[in-house]
mmCIF file of all heavy atoms, coordinates in Angstrom:
data_MODEL
# 
_entry.id   MODEL 
# 
loop_
_atom_site.group_PDB 
_atom_site.id 
_atom_site.type_symbol 
_atom_site.label_atom_id 
_atom_site.label_alt_id 
_atom_site.label_comp_id 
_atom_site.label_asym_id 
_atom_site.label_entity_id 
_atom_site.label_seq_id 
_atom_site.pdbx_PDB_ins_code 
_atom_site.Cartn_x 
_atom_site.Cartn_y 
_atom_site.Cartn_z 
_atom_site.occupancy 
_atom_site.B_iso_or_equiv 
_atom_site.pdbx_formal_charge 
_atom_site.auth_seq_id 
_atom_site.auth_comp_id 
_atom_site.auth_asym_id 
_atom_site.auth_atom_id 
_atom_site.pdbx_PDB_model_num 
ATOM 1   N N   . GLY A 1 1  ? -0.676 93.757 -4.564  1.00 0.00 ? 1  GLY A N   1 
ATOM 2   C CA  . GLY A 1 1  ? -0.372 94.081 -3.183  1.00 0.00 ? 1  GLY A CA  1 
ATOM 3   C C   . GLY A 1 1  ? 0.147  92.866 -2.415  1.00 0.00 ? 1  GLY A C   1 
ATOM 4   O O   . GLY A 1 1  ? 0.360  91.785 -2.944  1.00 0.00 ? 1  GLY A O   1 
ATOM 5   N N   . HIS A 1 2  ? 0.309  93.086 -1.115  1.00 0.00 ? 2  HIS A N   1 
ATOM 6   C CA  . HIS A 1 2  ? 0.966  92.055 -0.283  1.00 0.00 ? 2  HIS A CA  1 
ATOM 7   C C   . HIS A 1 2  ? 0.096  90.849 0.011   1.00 0.00 ? 2  HIS A C   1 
ATOM 8   O O   . HIS A 1 2  ? 0.563  89.860 0.542   1.00 0.00 ? 2  HIS A O   1 
ATOM 9   C CB  . HIS A 1 2  ? 1.386  92.670 1.056   1.00 0.00 ? 2  HIS A CB  1 
ATOM 10  C CG  . HIS A 1 2  ? 2.417  93.748 0.915   1.00 0.00 ? 2  HIS A CG  1 
ATOM 11  N ND1 . HIS A 1 2  ? 2.645  94.695 1.876   1.00 0.00 ? 2  HIS A ND1 1 
ATOM 12  C CD2 . HIS A 1 2  ? 3.291  94.010 -0.106  1.00 0.00 ? 2  HIS A CD2 1 
ATOM 13  C CE1 . HIS A 1 2  ? 3.619  95.497 1.483   1.00 0.00 ? 2  HIS A CE1 1 
ATOM 14  N NE2 . HIS A 1 2  ? 4.048  95.096 0.292   1.00 0.00 ? 2  HIS A NE2 1 
ATOM 15  N N   . GLU A 1 3  ? -1.165 90.912 -0.389  1.00 0.00 ? 3  GLU A N   1 
ATOM 16  C CA  . GLU A 1 3  ? -2.031 89.749 -0.115  1.00 0.00 ? 3  GLU A CA  1 
ATOM 17  C C   . GLU A 1 3  ? -1.749 88.573 -0.983  1.00 0.00 ? 3  GLU A C   1 
ATOM 18  O O   . GLU A 1 3  ? -2.075 87.430 -0.644  1.00 0.00 ? 3  GLU A O   1 
ATOM 19  C CB  . GLU A 1 3  ? -3.518 90.149 -0.322  1.00 0.00 ? 3  GLU A CB  1 
ATOM 20  C CG  . GLU A 1 3  ? -4.079 91.131 0.740   1.00 0.00 ? 3  GLU A CG  1 
ATOM 21  C CD  . GLU A 1 3  ? -3.627 92.560 0.495   1.00 0.00 ? 3  GLU A CD  1 
ATOM 22  O OE1 . GLU A 1 3  ? -3.069 92.847 -0.602  1.00 0.00 ? 3  GLU A OE1 1 
ATOM 23  O OE2 . GLU A 1 3  ? -3.815 93.395 1.399   1.00 0.00 ? 3  GLU A OE2 1 
ATOM 24  N N   . TYR A 1 4  ? -1.073 88.786 -2.125  1.00 0.00 ? 4  TYR A N   1 
ATOM 25  C CA  . TYR A 1 4  ? -0.727 87.690 -3.064  1.00 0.00 ? 4  TYR A CA  1 
ATOM 26  C C   . TYR A 1 4  ? 0.758  87.679 -3.269  1.00 0.00 ? 4  TYR A C   1 
ATOM 27  O O   . TYR A 1 4  ? 1.410  88.707 -3.504  1.00 0.00 ? 4  TYR A O   1 
ATOM 28  C CB  . TYR A 1 4  ? -1.446 87.894 -4.389  1.00 0.00 ? 4  TYR A CB  1 
ATOM 29  C CG  . TYR A 1 4  ? -2.962 87.697 -4.258  1.00 0.00 ? 4  TYR A CG  1 
ATOM 30  C CD1 . TYR A 1 4  ? -3.765 88.800 -3.971  1.00 0.00 ? 4  TYR A CD1 1 
ATOM 31  C CD2 . TYR A 1 4  ? -3.550 86.464 -4.376  1.00 0.00 ? 4  TYR A CD2 1 
ATOM 32  C CE1 . TYR A 1 4  ? -5.154 88.633 -3.847  1.00 0.00 ? 4  TYR A CE1 1 
ATOM 33  C CE2 . TYR A 1 4  ? -4.915 86.300 -4.243  1.00 0.00 ? 4  TYR A CE2 1 
ATOM 34  C CZ  . TYR A 1 4  ? -5.690 87.410 -3.956  1.00 0.00 ? 4  TYR A CZ  1 
ATOM 35  O OH  . TYR A 1 4  ? -7.043 87.223 -3.824  1.00 0.00 ? 4  TYR A OH  1 
ATOM 36  N N   . VAL A 1 5  ? 1.340  86.470 -3.197  1.00 0.00 ? 5  VAL A N   1 
ATOM 37  C CA  . VAL A 1 5  ? 2.794  86.333 -3.268  1.00 0.00 ? 5  VAL A CA  1 
ATOM 38  C C   . VAL A 1 5  ? 3.197  85.172 -4.182  1.00 0.00 ? 5  VAL A C   1 
ATOM 39  O O   . VAL A 1 5  ? 2.331  84.338 -4.535  1.00 0.00 ? 5  VAL A O   1 
ATOM 40  C CB  . VAL A 1 5  ? 3.373  86.102 -1.857  1.00 0.00 ? 5  VAL A CB  1 
ATOM 41  C CG1 . VAL A 1 5  ? 3.037  87.292 -0.945  1.00 0.00 ? 5  VAL A CG1 1 
ATOM 42  C CG2 . VAL A 1 5  ? 2.869  84.791 -1.247  1.00 0.00 ? 5  VAL A CG2 1 
ATOM 43  N N   . THR A 1 6  ? 4.482  85.091 -4.503  1.00 0.00 ? 6  THR A N   1 
ATOM 44  C CA  . THR A 1 6  ? 4.954  83.984 -5.289  1.00 0.00 ? 6  THR A CA  1 
ATOM 45  C C   . THR A 1 6  ? 5.047  82.721 -4.454  1.00 0.00 ? 6  THR A C   1 
ATOM 46  O O   . THR A 1 6  ? 5.406  82.764 -3.283  1.00 0.00 ? 6  THR A O   1 
ATOM 47  C CB  . THR A 1 6  ? 6.355  84.295 -5.892  1.00 0.00 ? 6  THR A CB  1 
ATOM 48  O OG1 . THR A 1 6  ? 7.236  84.697 -4.843  1.00 0.00 ? 6  THR A OG1 1 
ATOM 49  C CG2 . THR A 1 6  ? 6.262  85.402 -6.905  1.00 0.00 ? 6  THR A CG2 1 
ATOM 50  N N   . ALA A 1 7  ? 4.715  81.593 -5.095  1.00 0.00 ? 7  ALA A N   1 
ATOM 51  C CA  . ALA A 1 7  ? 4.676  80.326 -4.385  1.00 0.00 ? 7  ALA A CA  1 
ATOM 52  C C   . ALA A 1 7  ? 4.972  79.169 -5.357  1.00 0.00 ? 7  ALA A C   1 
ATOM 53  O O   . ALA A 1 7  ? 4.774  79.348 -6.567  1.00 0.00 ? 7  ALA A O   1 
ATOM 54  C CB  . ALA A 1 7  ? 3.350  80.113 -3.685  1.00 0.00 ? 7  ALA A CB  1 
ATOM 55  N N   . VAL A 1 8  ? 5.365  78.060 -4.817  1.00 0.00 ? 8  VAL A N   1 
ATOM 56  C CA  . VAL A 1 8  ? 5.479  76.827 -5.591  1.00 0.00 ? 8  VAL A CA  1 
ATOM 57  C C   . VAL A 1 8  ? 4.219  75.999 -5.291  1.00 0.00 ? 8  VAL A C   1 
ATOM 58  O O   . VAL A 1 8  ? 3.862  75.807 -4.118  1.00 0.00 ? 8  VAL A O   1 
ATOM 59  C CB  . VAL A 1 8  ? 6.753  76.046 -5.157  1.00 0.00 ? 8  VAL A CB  1 
ATOM 60  C CG1 . VAL A 1 8  ? 6.796  74.673 -5.784  1.00 0.00 ? 8  VAL A CG1 1 
ATOM 61  C CG2 . VAL A 1 8  ? 8.005  76.858 -5.514  1.00 0.00 ? 8  VAL A CG2 1 
ATOM 62  N N   . PRO A 1 9  ? 3.530  75.489 -6.323  1.00 0.00 ? 9  PRO A N   1 
ATOM 63  C CA  . PRO A 1 9  ? 2.301  74.739 -6.087  1.00 0.00 ? 9  PRO A CA  1 
ATOM 64  C C   . PRO A 1 9  ? 2.552  73.493 -5.210  1.00 0.00 ? 9  PRO A C   1 
ATOM 65  O O   . PRO A 1 9  ? 3.655  72.957 -5.201  1.00 0.00 ? 9  PRO A O   1 
ATOM 66  C CB  . PRO A 1 9  ? 1.857  74.341 -7.506  1.00 0.00 ? 9  PRO A CB  1 
ATOM 67  C CG  . PRO A 1 9  ? 2.525  75.304 -8.393  1.00 0.00 ? 9  PRO A CG  1 
ATOM 68  C CD  . PRO A 1 9  ? 3.830  75.641 -7.753  1.00 0.00 ? 9  PRO A CD  1 
ATOM 69  N N   . ALA A 1 10 ? 1.542  73.056 -4.499  1.00 0.00 ? 10 ALA A N   1 
ATOM 70  C CA  . ALA A 1 10 ? 1.624  71.840 -3.685  1.00 0.00 ? 10 ALA A CA  1 
ATOM 71  C C   . ALA A 1 10 ? 1.895  70.639 -4.592  1.00 0.00 ? 10 ALA A C   1 
ATOM 72  O O   . ALA A 1 10 ? 1.420  70.602 -5.729  1.00 0.00 ? 10 ALA A O   1 
ATOM 73  C CB  . ALA A 1 10 ? 0.354  71.659 -2.902  1.00 0.00 ? 10 ALA A CB  1 
ATOM 74  N N   . GLY A 1 11 ? 2.607  69.654 -4.057  1.00 0.00 ? 11 GLY A N   1 
ATOM 75  C CA  . GLY A 1 11 ? 2.891  68.439 -4.795  1.00 0.00 ? 11 GLY A CA  1 
ATOM 76  C C   . GLY A 1 11 ? 4.354  68.302 -5.033  1.00 0.00 ? 11 GLY A C   1 
ATOM 77  O O   . GLY A 1 11 ? 5.195  68.980 -4.443  1.00 0.00 ? 11 GLY A O   1 
ATOM 78  N N   . ALA A 1 12 ? 4.735  67.354 -5.882  1.00 0.00 ? 12 ALA A N   1 
ATOM 79  C CA  . ALA A 1 12 ? 6.144  67.096 -6.173  1.00 0.00 ? 12 ALA A CA  1 
ATOM 80  C C   . ALA A 1 12 ? 6.791  68.326 -6.804  1.00 0.00 ? 12 ALA A C   1 
ATOM 81  O O   . ALA A 1 12 ? 6.186  68.992 -7.634  1.00 0.00 ? 12 ALA A O   1 
ATOM 82  C CB  . ALA A 1 12 ? 6.256  65.889 -7.101  1.00 0.00 ? 12 ALA A CB  1 
ATOM 83  N N   . VAL A 1 13 ? 8.014  68.618 -6.399  1.00 0.00 ? 13 VAL A N   1 
ATOM 84  C CA  . VAL A 1 13 ? 8.727  69.768 -6.911  1.00 0.00 ? 13 VAL A CA  1 
ATOM 85  C C   . VAL A 1 13 ? 9.939  69.276 -7.695  1.00 0.00 ? 13 VAL A C   1 
ATOM 86  O O   . VAL A 1 13 ? 10.811 68.554 -7.184  1.00 0.00 ? 13 VAL A O   1 
ATOM 87  C CB  . VAL A 1 13 ? 9.206  70.661 -5.751  1.00 0.00 ? 13 VAL A CB  1 
ATOM 88  C CG1 . VAL A 1 13 ? 10.017 71.808 -6.277  1.00 0.00 ? 13 VAL A CG1 1 
ATOM 89  C CG2 . VAL A 1 13 ? 7.985  71.173 -4.947  1.00 0.00 ? 13 VAL A CG2 1 
ATOM 90  N N   . THR A 1 14 ? 9.996  69.626 -8.959  1.00 0.00 ? 14 THR A N   1 
ATOM 91  C CA  . THR A 1 14 ? 11.082 69.237 -9.831  1.00 0.00 ? 14 THR A CA  1 
ATOM 92  C C   . THR A 1 14 ? 11.395 70.403 -10.759 1.00 0.00 ? 14 THR A C   1 
ATOM 93  O O   . THR A 1 14 ? 10.702 71.421 -10.775 1.00 0.00 ? 14 THR A O   1 
ATOM 94  C CB  . THR A 1 14 ? 10.683 68.043 -10.728 1.00 0.00 ? 14 THR A CB  1 
ATOM 95  O OG1 . THR A 1 14 ? 9.564  68.415 -11.535 1.00 0.00 ? 14 THR A OG1 1 
ATOM 96  C CG2 . THR A 1 14 ? 10.295 66.842 -9.859  1.00 0.00 ? 14 THR A CG2 1 
ATOM 97  N N   . ALA A 1 15 ? 12.487 70.264 -11.553 1.00 0.00 ? 15 ALA A N   1 
ATOM 98  C CA  . ALA A 1 15 ? 12.739 71.261 -12.554 1.00 0.00 ? 15 ALA A CA  1 
ATOM 99  C C   . ALA A 1 15 ? 11.571 71.323 -13.512 1.00 0.00 ? 15 ALA A C   1 
ATOM 100 O O   . ALA A 1 15 ? 11.063 70.308 -13.954 1.00 0.00 ? 15 ALA A O   1 
ATOM 101 C CB  . ALA A 1 15 ? 14.005 70.898 -13.327 1.00 0.00 ? 15 ALA A CB  1 
ATOM 102 N N   . GLY A 1 16 ? 11.069 72.532 -13.776 1.00 0.00 ? 16 GLY A N   1 
ATOM 103 C CA  . GLY A 1 16 ? 9.904  72.686 -14.587 1.00 0.00 ? 16 GLY A CA  1 
ATOM 104 C C   . GLY A 1 16 ? 8.632  73.000 -13.832 1.00 0.00 ? 16 GLY A C   1 
ATOM 105 O O   . GLY A 1 16 ? 7.608  73.351 -14.437 1.00 0.00 ? 16 GLY A O   1 
ATOM 106 N N   . THR A 1 17 ? 8.670  72.856 -12.499 1.00 0.00 ? 17 THR A N   1 
ATOM 107 C CA  . THR A 1 17 ? 7.516  73.204 -11.685 1.00 0.00 ? 17 THR A CA  1 
ATOM 108 C C   . THR A 1 17 ? 7.248  74.714 -11.814 1.00 0.00 ? 17 THR A C   1 
ATOM 109 O O   . THR A 1 17 ? 8.165  75.526 -11.667 1.00 0.00 ? 17 THR A O   1 
ATOM 110 C CB  . THR A 1 17 ? 7.750  72.878 -10.207 1.00 0.00 ? 17 THR A CB  1 
ATOM 111 O OG1 . THR A 1 17 ? 7.908  71.475 -10.080 1.00 0.00 ? 17 THR A OG1 1 
ATOM 112 C CG2 . THR A 1 17 ? 6.588  73.326 -9.345  1.00 0.00 ? 17 THR A CG2 1 
ATOM 113 N N   . PRO A 1 18 ? 6.016  75.115 -12.145 1.00 0.00 ? 18 PRO A N   1 
ATOM 114 C CA  . PRO A 1 18 ? 5.754  76.547 -12.340 1.00 0.00 ? 18 PRO A CA  1 
ATOM 115 C C   . PRO A 1 18 ? 5.817  77.329 -11.024 1.00 0.00 ? 18 PRO A C   1 
ATOM 116 O O   . PRO A 1 18 ? 5.661  76.787 -9.944  1.00 0.00 ? 18 PRO A O   1 
ATOM 117 C CB  . PRO A 1 18 ? 4.338  76.548 -12.913 1.00 0.00 ? 18 PRO A CB  1 
ATOM 118 C CG  . PRO A 1 18 ? 3.698  75.301 -12.369 1.00 0.00 ? 18 PRO A CG  1 
ATOM 119 C CD  . PRO A 1 18 ? 4.835  74.278 -12.325 1.00 0.00 ? 18 PRO A CD  1 
ATOM 120 N N   . ILE A 1 19 ? 6.038  78.605 -11.150 1.00 0.00 ? 19 ILE A N   1 
ATOM 121 C CA  . ILE A 1 19 ? 5.934  79.554 -10.062 1.00 0.00 ? 19 ILE A CA  1 
ATOM 122 C C   . ILE A 1 19 ? 4.630  80.324 -10.238 1.00 0.00 ? 19 ILE A C   1 
ATOM 123 O O   . ILE A 1 19 ? 4.331  80.802 -11.326 1.00 0.00 ? 19 ILE A O   1 
ATOM 124 C CB  . ILE A 1 19 ? 7.092  80.570 -10.031 1.00 0.00 ? 19 ILE A CB  1 
ATOM 125 C CG1 . ILE A 1 19 ? 8.451  79.843 -10.041 1.00 0.00 ? 19 ILE A CG1 1 
ATOM 126 C CG2 . ILE A 1 19 ? 6.993  81.487 -8.819  1.00 0.00 ? 19 ILE A CG2 1 
ATOM 127 C CD1 . ILE A 1 19 ? 8.685  78.987 -8.812  1.00 0.00 ? 19 ILE A CD1 1 
ATOM 128 N N   . VAL A 1 20 ? 3.809  80.347 -9.214  1.00 0.00 ? 20 VAL A N   1 
ATOM 129 C CA  . VAL A 1 20 ? 2.476  80.934 -9.288  1.00 0.00 ? 20 VAL A CA  1 
ATOM 130 C C   . VAL A 1 20 ? 2.298  82.048 -8.287  1.00 0.00 ? 20 VAL A C   1 
ATOM 131 O O   . VAL A 1 20 ? 3.073  82.214 -7.344  1.00 0.00 ? 20 VAL A O   1 
ATOM 132 C CB  . VAL A 1 20 ? 1.405  79.843 -9.079  1.00 0.00 ? 20 VAL A CB  1 
ATOM 133 C CG1 . VAL A 1 20 ? 1.551  78.746 -10.096 1.00 0.00 ? 20 VAL A CG1 1 
ATOM 134 C CG2 . VAL A 1 20 ? 1.432  79.289 -7.656  1.00 0.00 ? 20 VAL A CG2 1 
ATOM 135 N N   . MET A 1 21 ? 1.241  82.843 -8.507  1.00 0.00 ? 21 MET A N   1 
ATOM 136 C CA  . MET A 1 21 ? 0.809  83.776 -7.473  1.00 0.00 ? 21 MET A CA  1 
ATOM 137 C C   . MET A 1 21 ? -0.215 83.056 -6.638  1.00 0.00 ? 21 MET A C   1 
ATOM 138 O O   . MET A 1 21 ? -1.040 82.280 -7.153  1.00 0.00 ? 21 MET A O   1 
ATOM 139 C CB  . MET A 1 21 ? 0.176  85.017 -8.123  1.00 0.00 ? 21 MET A CB  1 
ATOM 140 C CG  . MET A 1 21 ? 1.134  85.834 -8.976  1.00 0.00 ? 21 MET A CG  1 
ATOM 141 S SD  . MET A 1 21 ? 2.562  86.517 -8.047  1.00 0.00 ? 21 MET A SD  1 
ATOM 142 C CE  . MET A 1 21 ? 1.734  87.677 -6.937  1.00 0.00 ? 21 MET A CE  1 
ATOM 143 N N   . ALA A 1 22 ? -0.172 83.286 -5.322  1.00 0.00 ? 22 ALA A N   1 
ATOM 144 C CA  . ALA A 1 22 ? -1.109 82.624 -4.417  1.00 0.00 ? 22 ALA A CA  1 
ATOM 145 C C   . ALA A 1 22 ? -1.356 83.539 -3.220  1.00 0.00 ? 22 ALA A C   1 
ATOM 146 O O   . ALA A 1 22 ? -0.554 84.434 -2.934  1.00 0.00 ? 22 ALA A O   1 
ATOM 147 C CB  . ALA A 1 22 ? -0.540 81.306 -3.929  1.00 0.00 ? 22 ALA A CB  1 
ATOM 148 N N   . PRO A 1 23 ? -2.485 83.357 -2.530  1.00 0.00 ? 23 PRO A N   1 
ATOM 149 C CA  . PRO A 1 23 ? -2.725 84.150 -1.286  1.00 0.00 ? 23 PRO A CA  1 
ATOM 150 C C   . PRO A 1 23 ? -1.623 83.906 -0.299  1.00 0.00 ? 23 PRO A C   1 
ATOM 151 O O   . PRO A 1 23 ? -1.182 82.756 -0.056  1.00 0.00 ? 23 PRO A O   1 
ATOM 152 C CB  . PRO A 1 23 ? -4.051 83.589 -0.772  1.00 0.00 ? 23 PRO A CB  1 
ATOM 153 C CG  . PRO A 1 23 ? -4.733 83.009 -1.974  1.00 0.00 ? 23 PRO A CG  1 
ATOM 154 C CD  . PRO A 1 23 ? -3.607 82.469 -2.820  1.00 0.00 ? 23 PRO A CD  1 
ATOM 155 N N   . GLY A 1 24 ? -1.062 84.969 0.275   1.00 0.00 ? 24 GLY A N   1 
ATOM 156 C CA  . GLY A 1 24 ? -0.002 84.828 1.260   1.00 0.00 ? 24 GLY A CA  1 
ATOM 157 C C   . GLY A 1 24 ? -0.495 84.082 2.473   1.00 0.00 ? 24 GLY A C   1 
ATOM 158 O O   . GLY A 1 24 ? -1.511 84.421 3.069   1.00 0.00 ? 24 GLY A O   1 
ATOM 159 N N   . SER A 1 25 ? 0.227  83.039 2.862   1.00 0.00 ? 25 SER A N   1 
ATOM 160 C CA  . SER A 1 25 ? -0.188 82.237 3.998   1.00 0.00 ? 25 SER A CA  1 
ATOM 161 C C   . SER A 1 25 ? 0.953  81.771 4.873   1.00 0.00 ? 25 SER A C   1 
ATOM 162 O O   . SER A 1 25 ? 0.810  80.898 5.753   1.00 0.00 ? 25 SER A O   1 
ATOM 163 C CB  . SER A 1 25 ? -0.986 80.997 3.537   1.00 0.00 ? 25 SER A CB  1 
ATOM 164 O OG  . SER A 1 25 ? -0.229 80.265 2.619   1.00 0.00 ? 25 SER A OG  1 
ATOM 165 N N   . ALA A 1 26 ? 2.180  82.339 4.624   1.00 0.00 ? 26 ALA A N   1 
ATOM 166 C CA  . ALA A 1 26 ? 3.351  82.006 5.475   1.00 0.00 ? 26 ALA A CA  1 
ATOM 167 C C   . ALA A 1 26 ? 3.646  80.513 5.497   1.00 0.00 ? 26 ALA A C   1 
ATOM 168 O O   . ALA A 1 26 ? 3.998  79.957 6.556   1.00 0.00 ? 26 ALA A O   1 
ATOM 169 C CB  . ALA A 1 26 ? 3.198  82.557 6.899   1.00 0.00 ? 26 ALA A CB  1 
ATOM 170 N N   . VAL A 1 27 ? 3.459  79.847 4.390   1.00 0.00 ? 27 VAL A N   1 
ATOM 171 C CA  . VAL A 1 27 ? 3.795  78.428 4.267   1.00 0.00 ? 27 VAL A CA  1 
ATOM 172 C C   . VAL A 1 27 ? 5.166  78.283 3.627   1.00 0.00 ? 27 VAL A C   1 
ATOM 173 O O   . VAL A 1 27 ? 5.658  79.204 2.992   1.00 0.00 ? 27 VAL A O   1 
ATOM 174 C CB  . VAL A 1 27 ? 2.735  77.664 3.464   1.00 0.00 ? 27 VAL A CB  1 
ATOM 175 C CG1 . VAL A 1 27 ? 1.392  77.693 4.185   1.00 0.00 ? 27 VAL A CG1 1 
ATOM 176 C CG2 . VAL A 1 27 ? 2.580  78.221 2.045   1.00 0.00 ? 27 VAL A CG2 1 
# 
């Protein structure tokens, strides 16, 4: 459902950074 969305984890972002599901927080 809409409570969980795709996000990039906190920290340095480079090629190879995983895409994760996370609680939606409009960040």
